[in-house]
Amino acid sequence: MTTREEKFYKKWEEQRKKKWLYIFLHGTVYWGLFMAISLFLWNSDFKVENMHISDLIGRIIVFGIGGIPIGIMNFNQLDKKYLNRDIADILDGIKALKAGKVWKYDNLIISNINNETLVVRNKLFWFDKSEDINEKSNECFDAVLNDYQQINKEPKFQEFSKNYNVRIQIFEVLDNETPLIDKAI
């Protein structure tokens, strides 16, 4: 991915949680208000004596309501782009795992051990020498589990993984061969 795409996906991940706010802002405020004011000024020939507040309010209401479907279409288009990226990455990951390769996805490193077990481990390391490693390892475990559960919501990955045991391992550093946490889920 380019850095522009990475920024989009990170930003959209947060924005998509506030769907109706996005629809209101991008449909009603940004599009509807812009159109209402533009048409108001255009119809008044940019002359103050031709401007009537009732015309402006009427246009704001009409274009504000009309902007809702535009906001919904805009939201759905961006969300589809965001979700399709995940599906393509997940399908590539399934192919890699079937071929016995390691799949790196977001914060996860997933490997297929003997066509029986999927081992999911952390790719990011959250540990600082001054912090309590046990507390941080539990936070890291929860994050890795949540990330894995997000992948497992994709029906094709769920179909692939249903015949596997799944183990989550948390490592302090990349070179360490002994996990801090190793749990079957």
N, C-alpha and C. Protein backbone atom coordinates (compact mmCIF):
# COMPACT_ATOMS: atom_id res chain seq x y z
N MET A 1 0.83 -1.18 0.00
CA MET A 1 0.00 0.00 0.00
C MET A 1 0.87 1.24 0.00
N THR A 2 0.36 2.27 -0.63
CA THR A 2 1.06 3.55 -0.59
C THR A 2 0.79 4.20 0.77
N THR A 3 1.56 5.20 1.10
CA THR A 3 1.34 5.89 2.38
C THR A 3 -0.01 6.60 2.37
N ARG A 4 -0.45 7.05 1.20
CA ARG A 4 -1.76 7.69 1.11
C ARG A 4 -2.88 6.69 1.44
N GLU A 5 -2.77 5.46 0.91
CA GLU A 5 -3.76 4.43 1.20
C GLU A 5 -3.73 4.05 2.68
N GLU A 6 -2.54 3.94 3.25
CA GLU A 6 -2.44 3.62 4.67
C GLU A 6 -3.11 4.67 5.53
N LYS A 7 -2.90 5.94 5.19
CA LYS A 7 -3.55 7.03 5.93
C LYS A 7 -5.06 6.93 5.81
N PHE A 8 -5.54 6.65 4.58
CA PHE A 8 -6.98 6.51 4.37
C PHE A 8 -7.55 5.41 5.26
N TYR A 9 -6.92 4.22 5.24
CA TYR A 9 -7.46 3.10 5.99
C TYR A 9 -7.44 3.35 7.49
N LYS A 10 -6.38 3.98 7.99
CA LYS A 10 -6.32 4.29 9.42
C LYS A 10 -7.39 5.32 9.79
N LYS A 11 -7.53 6.36 8.98
CA LYS A 11 -8.51 7.40 9.24
C LYS A 11 -9.93 6.84 9.11
N TRP A 12 -10.17 6.04 8.07
CA TRP A 12 -11.51 5.52 7.83
C TRP A 12 -11.92 4.53 8.92
N GLU A 13 -10.97 3.80 9.46
CA GLU A 13 -11.29 2.85 10.53
C GLU A 13 -11.98 3.55 11.70
N GLU A 14 -11.56 4.77 12.00
CA GLU A 14 -12.19 5.54 13.08
C GLU A 14 -13.48 6.21 12.59
N GLN A 15 -13.47 6.77 11.39
CA GLN A 15 -14.64 7.48 10.88
C GLN A 15 -15.84 6.56 10.68
N ARG A 16 -15.60 5.33 10.30
CA ARG A 16 -16.72 4.44 10.00
C ARG A 16 -17.49 4.06 11.26
N LYS A 17 -16.89 4.27 12.43
CA LYS A 17 -17.59 4.01 13.69
C LYS A 17 -18.66 5.06 13.97
N LYS A 18 -18.54 6.21 13.33
CA LYS A 18 -19.47 7.32 13.52
C LYS A 18 -20.22 7.57 12.21
N LYS A 19 -20.95 6.57 11.78
CA LYS A 19 -21.59 6.59 10.46
C LYS A 19 -22.51 7.79 10.28
N TRP A 20 -23.43 8.01 11.21
CA TRP A 20 -24.43 9.06 11.01
C TRP A 20 -23.84 10.45 11.14
N LEU A 21 -22.80 10.60 11.92
CA LEU A 21 -22.11 11.88 11.98
C LEU A 21 -21.44 12.17 10.63
N TYR A 22 -20.81 11.16 10.06
CA TYR A 22 -20.17 11.30 8.76
C TYR A 22 -21.21 11.67 7.70
N ILE A 23 -22.34 10.97 7.70
CA ILE A 23 -23.40 11.23 6.72
C ILE A 23 -23.93 12.65 6.87
N PHE A 24 -24.16 13.07 8.11
CA PHE A 24 -24.66 14.43 8.35
C PHE A 24 -23.65 15.48 7.88
N LEU A 25 -22.40 15.31 8.28
CA LEU A 25 -21.39 16.30 7.91
C LEU A 25 -21.16 16.36 6.41
N HIS A 26 -20.93 15.20 5.77
CA HIS A 26 -20.58 15.19 4.36
C HIS A 26 -21.78 15.39 3.44
N GLY A 27 -22.94 14.98 3.88
CA GLY A 27 -24.13 15.14 3.05
C GLY A 27 -24.83 16.46 3.29
N THR A 28 -25.22 16.70 4.53
CA THR A 28 -26.01 17.88 4.85
C THR A 28 -25.16 19.14 4.95
N VAL A 29 -24.08 19.09 5.69
CA VAL A 29 -23.29 20.31 5.93
C VAL A 29 -22.41 20.64 4.73
N TYR A 30 -21.51 19.73 4.37
CA TYR A 30 -20.54 20.04 3.32
C TYR A 30 -21.19 20.17 1.94
N TRP A 31 -22.07 19.24 1.59
CA TRP A 31 -22.69 19.30 0.27
C TRP A 31 -23.93 20.19 0.30
N GLY A 32 -24.87 19.89 1.20
CA GLY A 32 -26.15 20.60 1.23
C GLY A 32 -26.01 22.09 1.52
N LEU A 33 -25.24 22.44 2.51
CA LEU A 33 -25.07 23.85 2.85
C LEU A 33 -24.34 24.60 1.73
N PHE A 34 -23.34 23.97 1.17
CA PHE A 34 -22.61 24.59 0.05
C PHE A 34 -23.55 24.85 -1.12
N MET A 35 -24.35 23.86 -1.48
CA MET A 35 -25.28 24.02 -2.61
C MET A 35 -26.34 25.08 -2.31
N ALA A 36 -26.87 25.08 -1.08
CA ALA A 36 -27.90 26.04 -0.71
C ALA A 36 -27.37 27.47 -0.79
N ILE A 37 -26.22 27.72 -0.24
CA ILE A 37 -25.65 29.07 -0.27
C ILE A 37 -25.26 29.47 -1.69
N SER A 38 -24.67 28.56 -2.44
CA SER A 38 -24.28 28.86 -3.82
C SER A 38 -25.49 29.24 -4.67
N LEU A 39 -26.56 28.44 -4.59
CA LEU A 39 -27.76 28.75 -5.37
C LEU A 39 -28.44 30.02 -4.88
N PHE A 40 -28.42 30.24 -3.58
CA PHE A 40 -29.00 31.46 -3.02
C PHE A 40 -28.28 32.69 -3.58
N LEU A 41 -26.95 32.66 -3.57
CA LEU A 41 -26.18 33.78 -4.10
C LEU A 41 -26.37 33.92 -5.61
N TRP A 42 -26.40 32.81 -6.32
CA TRP A 42 -26.56 32.83 -7.78
C TRP A 42 -27.93 33.42 -8.16
N ASN A 43 -28.98 32.99 -7.48
CA ASN A 43 -30.33 33.48 -7.79
C ASN A 43 -30.54 34.94 -7.40
N SER A 44 -29.77 35.42 -6.45
CA SER A 44 -29.90 36.83 -6.04
C SER A 44 -28.97 37.73 -6.84
N ASP A 45 -28.27 37.16 -7.80
CA ASP A 45 -27.31 37.90 -8.63
C ASP A 45 -26.24 38.58 -7.77
N PHE A 46 -25.97 38.03 -6.61
CA PHE A 46 -24.95 38.54 -5.69
C PHE A 46 -25.25 39.98 -5.23
N LYS A 47 -26.54 40.34 -5.22
CA LYS A 47 -26.96 41.66 -4.78
C LYS A 47 -27.75 41.53 -3.49
N VAL A 48 -27.40 42.35 -2.51
CA VAL A 48 -28.02 42.27 -1.19
C VAL A 48 -29.52 42.53 -1.26
N GLU A 49 -29.95 43.45 -2.11
CA GLU A 49 -31.39 43.78 -2.18
C GLU A 49 -32.23 42.61 -2.72
N ASN A 50 -31.59 41.66 -3.41
CA ASN A 50 -32.31 40.49 -3.93
C ASN A 50 -32.27 39.30 -2.97
N MET A 51 -31.57 39.43 -1.88
CA MET A 51 -31.42 38.33 -0.92
C MET A 51 -32.51 38.40 0.15
N HIS A 52 -33.20 37.27 0.31
CA HIS A 52 -34.25 37.18 1.33
C HIS A 52 -33.94 35.98 2.22
N ILE A 53 -33.99 36.21 3.51
CA ILE A 53 -33.62 35.17 4.48
C ILE A 53 -34.53 33.94 4.34
N SER A 54 -35.78 34.14 3.99
CA SER A 54 -36.69 32.99 3.84
C SER A 54 -36.24 32.09 2.68
N ASP A 55 -35.73 32.69 1.60
CA ASP A 55 -35.20 31.89 0.49
C ASP A 55 -34.00 31.06 0.95
N LEU A 56 -33.13 31.69 1.71
CA LEU A 56 -31.94 30.99 2.21
C LEU A 56 -32.33 29.82 3.12
N ILE A 57 -33.24 30.07 4.04
CA ILE A 57 -33.66 29.01 4.98
C ILE A 57 -34.33 27.86 4.22
N GLY A 58 -35.18 28.20 3.25
CA GLY A 58 -35.84 27.16 2.45
C GLY A 58 -34.82 26.31 1.70
N ARG A 59 -33.84 26.95 1.12
CA ARG A 59 -32.81 26.20 0.37
C ARG A 59 -31.95 25.34 1.32
N ILE A 60 -31.65 25.86 2.48
CA ILE A 60 -30.86 25.09 3.46
C ILE A 60 -31.62 23.83 3.86
N ILE A 61 -32.92 23.98 4.09
CA ILE A 61 -33.73 22.81 4.49
C ILE A 61 -33.80 21.78 3.35
N VAL A 62 -34.09 22.25 2.14
CA VAL A 62 -34.24 21.34 1.00
C VAL A 62 -32.91 20.63 0.71
N PHE A 63 -31.82 21.39 0.60
CA PHE A 63 -30.55 20.78 0.27
C PHE A 63 -29.96 20.01 1.46
N GLY A 64 -30.32 20.41 2.67
CA GLY A 64 -29.87 19.65 3.84
C GLY A 64 -30.48 18.26 3.86
N ILE A 65 -31.78 18.19 3.60
CA ILE A 65 -32.46 16.89 3.54
C ILE A 65 -31.98 16.11 2.31
N GLY A 66 -31.83 16.80 1.19
CA GLY A 66 -31.35 16.15 -0.03
C GLY A 66 -29.92 15.66 0.09
N GLY A 67 -29.15 16.23 1.00
CA GLY A 67 -27.77 15.82 1.19
C GLY A 67 -27.62 14.51 1.93
N ILE A 68 -28.66 14.09 2.65
CA ILE A 68 -28.58 12.83 3.41
C ILE A 68 -28.33 11.64 2.49
N PRO A 69 -29.09 11.47 1.40
CA PRO A 69 -28.77 10.34 0.50
C PRO A 69 -27.37 10.44 -0.11
N ILE A 70 -26.92 11.65 -0.37
CA ILE A 70 -25.58 11.83 -0.92
C ILE A 70 -24.54 11.42 0.13
N GLY A 71 -24.75 11.79 1.38
CA GLY A 71 -23.86 11.37 2.45
C GLY A 71 -23.85 9.86 2.63
N ILE A 72 -25.02 9.24 2.52
CA ILE A 72 -25.12 7.78 2.64
C ILE A 72 -24.36 7.10 1.49
N MET A 73 -24.55 7.58 0.27
CA MET A 73 -23.84 6.99 -0.88
C MET A 73 -22.33 7.16 -0.73
N ASN A 74 -21.91 8.33 -0.29
CA ASN A 74 -20.48 8.59 -0.09
C ASN A 74 -19.91 7.66 0.97
N PHE A 75 -20.63 7.52 2.10
CA PHE A 75 -20.20 6.64 3.18
C PHE A 75 -20.09 5.20 2.69
N ASN A 76 -21.13 4.73 2.00
CA ASN A 76 -21.15 3.34 1.54
C ASN A 76 -20.04 3.06 0.53
N GLN A 77 -19.76 4.03 -0.33
CA GLN A 77 -18.69 3.86 -1.32
C GLN A 77 -17.33 3.72 -0.62
N LEU A 78 -17.04 4.59 0.35
CA LEU A 78 -15.76 4.52 1.05
C LEU A 78 -15.68 3.27 1.93
N ASP A 79 -16.80 2.89 2.55
CA ASP A 79 -16.80 1.72 3.41
C ASP A 79 -16.60 0.45 2.60
N LYS A 80 -17.19 0.42 1.41
CA LYS A 80 -17.00 -0.74 0.53
C LYS A 80 -15.54 -0.87 0.12
N LYS A 81 -14.92 0.26 -0.20
CA LYS A 81 -13.49 0.26 -0.54
C LYS A 81 -12.66 -0.26 0.64
N TYR A 82 -12.99 0.19 1.83
CA TYR A 82 -12.28 -0.24 3.04
C TYR A 82 -12.47 -1.74 3.28
N LEU A 83 -13.69 -2.21 3.18
CA LEU A 83 -13.98 -3.62 3.45
C LEU A 83 -13.40 -4.53 2.37
N ASN A 84 -13.41 -4.11 1.11
CA ASN A 84 -12.85 -4.93 0.04
C ASN A 84 -11.36 -5.11 0.20
N ARG A 85 -10.67 -4.11 0.72
CA ARG A 85 -9.24 -4.24 0.96
C ARG A 85 -8.99 -5.38 1.94
N ASP A 86 -9.79 -5.43 3.00
CA ASP A 86 -9.64 -6.50 3.98
C ASP A 86 -9.92 -7.86 3.38
N ILE A 87 -10.97 -7.97 2.57
CA ILE A 87 -11.34 -9.26 1.99
C ILE A 87 -10.23 -9.76 1.08
N ALA A 88 -9.67 -8.89 0.25
CA ALA A 88 -8.58 -9.29 -0.65
C ALA A 88 -7.36 -9.74 0.15
N ASP A 89 -7.02 -9.01 1.19
CA ASP A 89 -5.88 -9.39 2.03
C ASP A 89 -6.13 -10.73 2.72
N ILE A 90 -7.35 -10.93 3.18
CA ILE A 90 -7.69 -12.18 3.88
C ILE A 90 -7.64 -13.35 2.91
N LEU A 91 -8.14 -13.18 1.69
CA LEU A 91 -8.08 -14.26 0.70
C LEU A 91 -6.63 -14.60 0.36
N ASP A 92 -5.78 -13.59 0.25
CA ASP A 92 -4.35 -13.84 0.02
C ASP A 92 -3.75 -14.59 1.20
N GLY A 93 -4.18 -14.23 2.41
CA GLY A 93 -3.69 -14.90 3.61
C GLY A 93 -4.10 -16.36 3.66
N ILE A 94 -5.32 -16.66 3.26
CA ILE A 94 -5.79 -18.05 3.23
C ILE A 94 -4.93 -18.86 2.27
N LYS A 95 -4.65 -18.30 1.11
CA LYS A 95 -3.79 -18.99 0.13
C LYS A 95 -2.40 -19.24 0.71
N ALA A 96 -1.85 -18.25 1.38
CA ALA A 96 -0.52 -18.40 1.98
C ALA A 96 -0.53 -19.48 3.05
N LEU A 97 -1.54 -19.48 3.90
CA LEU A 97 -1.62 -20.48 4.97
C LEU A 97 -1.82 -21.89 4.40
N LYS A 98 -2.62 -22.02 3.36
CA LYS A 98 -2.81 -23.34 2.73
C LYS A 98 -1.50 -23.85 2.14
N ALA A 99 -0.68 -22.91 1.67
CA ALA A 99 0.61 -23.29 1.07
C ALA A 99 1.69 -23.51 2.14
N GLY A 100 1.32 -23.38 3.40
CA GLY A 100 2.28 -23.60 4.48
C GLY A 100 3.17 -22.40 4.77
N LYS A 101 2.80 -21.25 4.25
CA LYS A 101 3.60 -20.05 4.47
C LYS A 101 3.07 -19.28 5.68
N VAL A 102 3.86 -18.33 6.11
CA VAL A 102 3.46 -17.45 7.21
C VAL A 102 2.75 -16.25 6.62
N TRP A 103 1.65 -15.84 7.26
CA TRP A 103 0.87 -14.69 6.79
C TRP A 103 0.97 -13.58 7.82
N LYS A 104 1.40 -12.41 7.36
CA LYS A 104 1.48 -11.24 8.23
C LYS A 104 0.33 -10.31 7.87
N TYR A 105 -0.47 -9.99 8.88
CA TYR A 105 -1.65 -9.15 8.67
C TYR A 105 -1.79 -8.21 9.86
N ASP A 106 -1.74 -6.91 9.61
CA ASP A 106 -1.81 -5.89 10.65
C ASP A 106 -0.85 -6.20 11.79
N ASN A 107 -1.38 -6.49 12.98
CA ASN A 107 -0.57 -6.75 14.16
C ASN A 107 -0.29 -8.24 14.35
N LEU A 108 -0.64 -9.05 13.37
CA LEU A 108 -0.58 -10.50 13.55
C LEU A 108 0.42 -11.17 12.62
N ILE A 109 0.97 -12.26 13.12
CA ILE A 109 1.74 -13.20 12.31
C ILE A 109 1.05 -14.55 12.51
N ILE A 110 0.52 -15.11 11.43
CA ILE A 110 -0.25 -16.36 11.53
C ILE A 110 0.47 -17.43 10.74
N SER A 111 0.62 -18.60 11.37
CA SER A 111 1.25 -19.72 10.67
C SER A 111 0.41 -20.97 10.85
N ASN A 112 0.51 -21.86 9.88
CA ASN A 112 -0.22 -23.11 9.87
C ASN A 112 0.75 -24.22 10.26
N ILE A 113 0.52 -24.86 11.38
CA ILE A 113 1.40 -25.90 11.88
C ILE A 113 0.77 -27.27 11.59
N ASN A 114 1.37 -28.03 10.71
CA ASN A 114 0.96 -29.40 10.38
C ASN A 114 -0.51 -29.53 9.96
N ASN A 115 -1.06 -28.52 9.34
CA ASN A 115 -2.47 -28.53 8.93
C ASN A 115 -3.42 -28.87 10.06
N GLU A 116 -3.02 -28.58 11.30
CA GLU A 116 -3.88 -28.84 12.45
C GLU A 116 -4.11 -27.59 13.29
N THR A 117 -3.09 -26.76 13.39
CA THR A 117 -3.14 -25.63 14.31
C THR A 117 -2.73 -24.35 13.61
N LEU A 118 -3.51 -23.31 13.84
CA LEU A 118 -3.12 -21.97 13.42
C LEU A 118 -2.51 -21.28 14.64
N VAL A 119 -1.28 -20.85 14.50
CA VAL A 119 -0.62 -20.13 15.59
C VAL A 119 -0.65 -18.65 15.23
N VAL A 120 -1.27 -17.88 16.11
CA VAL A 120 -1.42 -16.44 15.91
C VAL A 120 -0.56 -15.77 16.96
N ARG A 121 0.35 -14.92 16.50
CA ARG A 121 1.23 -14.23 17.45
C ARG A 121 1.29 -12.75 17.13
N ASN A 122 1.79 -12.01 18.09
CA ASN A 122 1.89 -10.57 17.91
C ASN A 122 3.05 -10.20 17.01
N LYS A 123 2.82 -9.19 16.19
CA LYS A 123 3.86 -8.67 15.32
C LYS A 123 4.47 -7.42 15.94
N LEU A 124 3.67 -6.68 16.69
CA LEU A 124 4.14 -5.47 17.36
C LEU A 124 4.56 -5.81 18.78
N PHE A 125 5.50 -5.08 19.29
CA PHE A 125 6.00 -5.33 20.65
C PHE A 125 5.73 -4.11 21.50
N TRP A 126 4.98 -4.31 22.55
CA TRP A 126 4.49 -3.22 23.36
C TRP A 126 5.29 -3.02 24.63
N PHE A 127 6.38 -3.65 24.78
CA PHE A 127 7.01 -3.74 26.08
C PHE A 127 8.14 -2.73 26.25
N ASP A 128 8.15 -2.14 27.42
CA ASP A 128 9.19 -1.20 27.82
C ASP A 128 9.79 -1.75 29.11
N LYS A 129 11.06 -1.59 29.28
CA LYS A 129 11.74 -2.17 30.45
C LYS A 129 11.14 -1.69 31.77
N SER A 130 10.64 -0.47 31.82
CA SER A 130 10.13 0.09 33.07
C SER A 130 8.70 -0.37 33.40
N GLU A 131 8.04 -1.05 32.47
CA GLU A 131 6.64 -1.44 32.68
C GLU A 131 6.53 -2.88 33.16
N ASP A 132 5.39 -3.18 33.78
CA ASP A 132 5.10 -4.53 34.24
C ASP A 132 4.77 -5.40 33.02
N ILE A 133 5.63 -6.36 32.74
CA ILE A 133 5.49 -7.18 31.53
C ILE A 133 4.22 -8.02 31.58
N ASN A 134 3.83 -8.51 32.76
CA ASN A 134 2.62 -9.34 32.85
C ASN A 134 1.38 -8.54 32.47
N GLU A 135 1.30 -7.31 32.96
CA GLU A 135 0.15 -6.46 32.64
C GLU A 135 0.13 -6.15 31.14
N LYS A 136 1.26 -5.78 30.60
CA LYS A 136 1.34 -5.46 29.17
C LYS A 136 1.08 -6.68 28.30
N SER A 137 1.54 -7.85 28.73
CA SER A 137 1.32 -9.05 27.93
C SER A 137 -0.17 -9.40 27.87
N ASN A 138 -0.91 -9.15 28.95
CA ASN A 138 -2.36 -9.38 28.93
C ASN A 138 -3.06 -8.40 27.99
N GLU A 139 -2.62 -7.14 28.00
CA GLU A 139 -3.18 -6.16 27.06
C GLU A 139 -2.89 -6.57 25.63
N CYS A 140 -1.68 -7.01 25.39
CA CYS A 140 -1.27 -7.44 24.06
C CYS A 140 -2.08 -8.67 23.63
N PHE A 141 -2.28 -9.62 24.55
CA PHE A 141 -3.09 -10.80 24.25
C PHE A 141 -4.50 -10.39 23.84
N ASP A 142 -5.10 -9.49 24.60
CA ASP A 142 -6.46 -9.04 24.27
C ASP A 142 -6.52 -8.38 22.89
N ALA A 143 -5.50 -7.59 22.56
CA ALA A 143 -5.46 -6.93 21.25
C ALA A 143 -5.29 -7.95 20.13
N VAL A 144 -4.42 -8.92 20.32
CA VAL A 144 -4.20 -9.95 19.30
C VAL A 144 -5.47 -10.80 19.13
N LEU A 145 -6.09 -11.17 20.22
CA LEU A 145 -7.34 -11.93 20.16
C LEU A 145 -8.41 -11.14 19.42
N ASN A 146 -8.54 -9.86 19.73
CA ASN A 146 -9.52 -9.02 19.05
C ASN A 146 -9.23 -8.92 17.56
N ASP A 147 -7.96 -8.74 17.20
CA ASP A 147 -7.58 -8.67 15.79
C ASP A 147 -7.91 -9.98 15.08
N TYR A 148 -7.63 -11.10 15.73
CA TYR A 148 -7.93 -12.41 15.12
C TYR A 148 -9.45 -12.58 14.95
N GLN A 149 -10.21 -12.16 15.95
CA GLN A 149 -11.67 -12.28 15.87
C GLN A 149 -12.23 -11.43 14.73
N GLN A 150 -11.61 -10.29 14.46
CA GLN A 150 -12.04 -9.45 13.34
C GLN A 150 -11.82 -10.19 12.01
N ILE A 151 -10.67 -10.84 11.88
CA ILE A 151 -10.41 -11.61 10.66
C ILE A 151 -11.40 -12.76 10.55
N ASN A 152 -11.68 -13.39 11.66
CA ASN A 152 -12.54 -14.57 11.67
C ASN A 152 -14.00 -14.22 11.38
N LYS A 153 -14.37 -12.95 11.38
CA LYS A 153 -15.72 -12.55 11.00
C LYS A 153 -15.95 -12.69 9.50
N GLU A 154 -14.87 -12.68 8.73
CA GLU A 154 -14.97 -12.87 7.28
C GLU A 154 -15.38 -14.33 7.03
N PRO A 155 -16.52 -14.56 6.37
CA PRO A 155 -17.02 -15.93 6.19
C PRO A 155 -16.02 -16.89 5.54
N LYS A 156 -15.24 -16.43 4.57
CA LYS A 156 -14.30 -17.33 3.90
C LYS A 156 -13.17 -17.75 4.85
N PHE A 157 -12.73 -16.83 5.70
CA PHE A 157 -11.69 -17.21 6.66
C PHE A 157 -12.29 -18.12 7.74
N GLN A 158 -13.51 -17.83 8.13
CA GLN A 158 -14.19 -18.67 9.13
C GLN A 158 -14.33 -20.10 8.60
N GLU A 159 -14.69 -20.23 7.34
CA GLU A 159 -14.81 -21.55 6.71
C GLU A 159 -13.46 -22.26 6.70
N PHE A 160 -12.40 -21.51 6.35
CA PHE A 160 -11.05 -22.08 6.33
C PHE A 160 -10.59 -22.51 7.72
N SER A 161 -10.83 -21.69 8.71
CA SER A 161 -10.25 -21.93 10.04
C SER A 161 -11.07 -22.87 10.93
N LYS A 162 -12.27 -23.25 10.50
CA LYS A 162 -13.12 -24.06 11.38
C LYS A 162 -12.53 -25.43 11.68
N ASN A 163 -11.66 -25.94 10.83
CA ASN A 163 -11.07 -27.26 11.05
C ASN A 163 -9.72 -27.20 11.76
N TYR A 164 -9.36 -26.04 12.24
CA TYR A 164 -8.06 -25.85 12.90
C TYR A 164 -8.23 -25.53 14.37
N ASN A 165 -7.26 -25.96 15.15
CA ASN A 165 -7.12 -25.45 16.51
C ASN A 165 -6.41 -24.11 16.39
N VAL A 166 -6.73 -23.19 17.26
CA VAL A 166 -6.09 -21.87 17.20
C VAL A 166 -5.39 -21.60 18.52
N ARG A 167 -4.11 -21.23 18.42
CA ARG A 167 -3.30 -20.87 19.58
C ARG A 167 -2.85 -19.43 19.41
N ILE A 168 -2.94 -18.68 20.49
CA ILE A 168 -2.43 -17.31 20.46
C ILE A 168 -1.20 -17.26 21.35
N GLN A 169 -0.13 -16.72 20.78
CA GLN A 169 1.13 -16.59 21.51
C GLN A 169 1.54 -15.12 21.54
N ILE A 170 2.01 -14.69 22.70
CA ILE A 170 2.50 -13.32 22.87
C ILE A 170 3.98 -13.39 23.20
N PHE A 171 4.77 -12.69 22.40
CA PHE A 171 6.21 -12.65 22.60
C PHE A 171 6.64 -11.26 23.04
N GLU A 172 7.68 -11.24 23.88
CA GLU A 172 8.21 -9.97 24.36
C GLU A 172 9.00 -9.27 23.26
N VAL A 173 9.85 -10.01 22.59
CA VAL A 173 10.65 -9.48 21.48
C VAL A 173 10.70 -10.53 20.38
N LEU A 174 11.06 -10.11 19.20
CA LEU A 174 11.05 -10.99 18.04
C LEU A 174 12.00 -12.18 18.20
N ASP A 175 13.17 -11.97 18.79
CA ASP A 175 14.18 -13.03 18.89
C ASP A 175 13.87 -14.06 19.98
N ASN A 176 13.00 -13.72 20.89
CA ASN A 176 12.68 -14.61 21.99
C ASN A 176 11.92 -15.83 21.46
N GLU A 177 12.31 -17.02 21.88
CA GLU A 177 11.65 -18.23 21.40
C GLU A 177 10.61 -18.76 22.38
N THR A 178 10.57 -18.20 23.56
CA THR A 178 9.59 -18.62 24.56
C THR A 178 8.52 -17.55 24.70
N PRO A 179 7.26 -17.91 24.41
CA PRO A 179 6.21 -16.90 24.52
C PRO A 179 5.89 -16.56 25.98
N LEU A 180 5.48 -15.31 26.20
CA LEU A 180 5.01 -14.91 27.53
C LEU A 180 3.65 -15.53 27.81
N ILE A 181 2.84 -15.61 26.76
CA ILE A 181 1.50 -16.23 26.87
C ILE A 181 1.35 -17.17 25.69
N ASP A 182 0.80 -18.34 25.96
CA ASP A 182 0.50 -19.31 24.90
C ASP A 182 -0.81 -19.98 25.30
N LYS A 183 -1.92 -19.57 24.64
CA LYS A 183 -3.25 -20.06 25.00
C LYS A 183 -3.97 -20.58 23.77
N ALA A 184 -4.66 -21.68 23.94
CA ALA A 184 -5.54 -22.18 22.89
C ALA A 184 -6.90 -21.49 23.05
N ILE A 185 -7.47 -21.14 21.91
CA ILE A 185 -8.81 -20.53 21.99
C ILE A 185 -9.80 -21.37 21.22
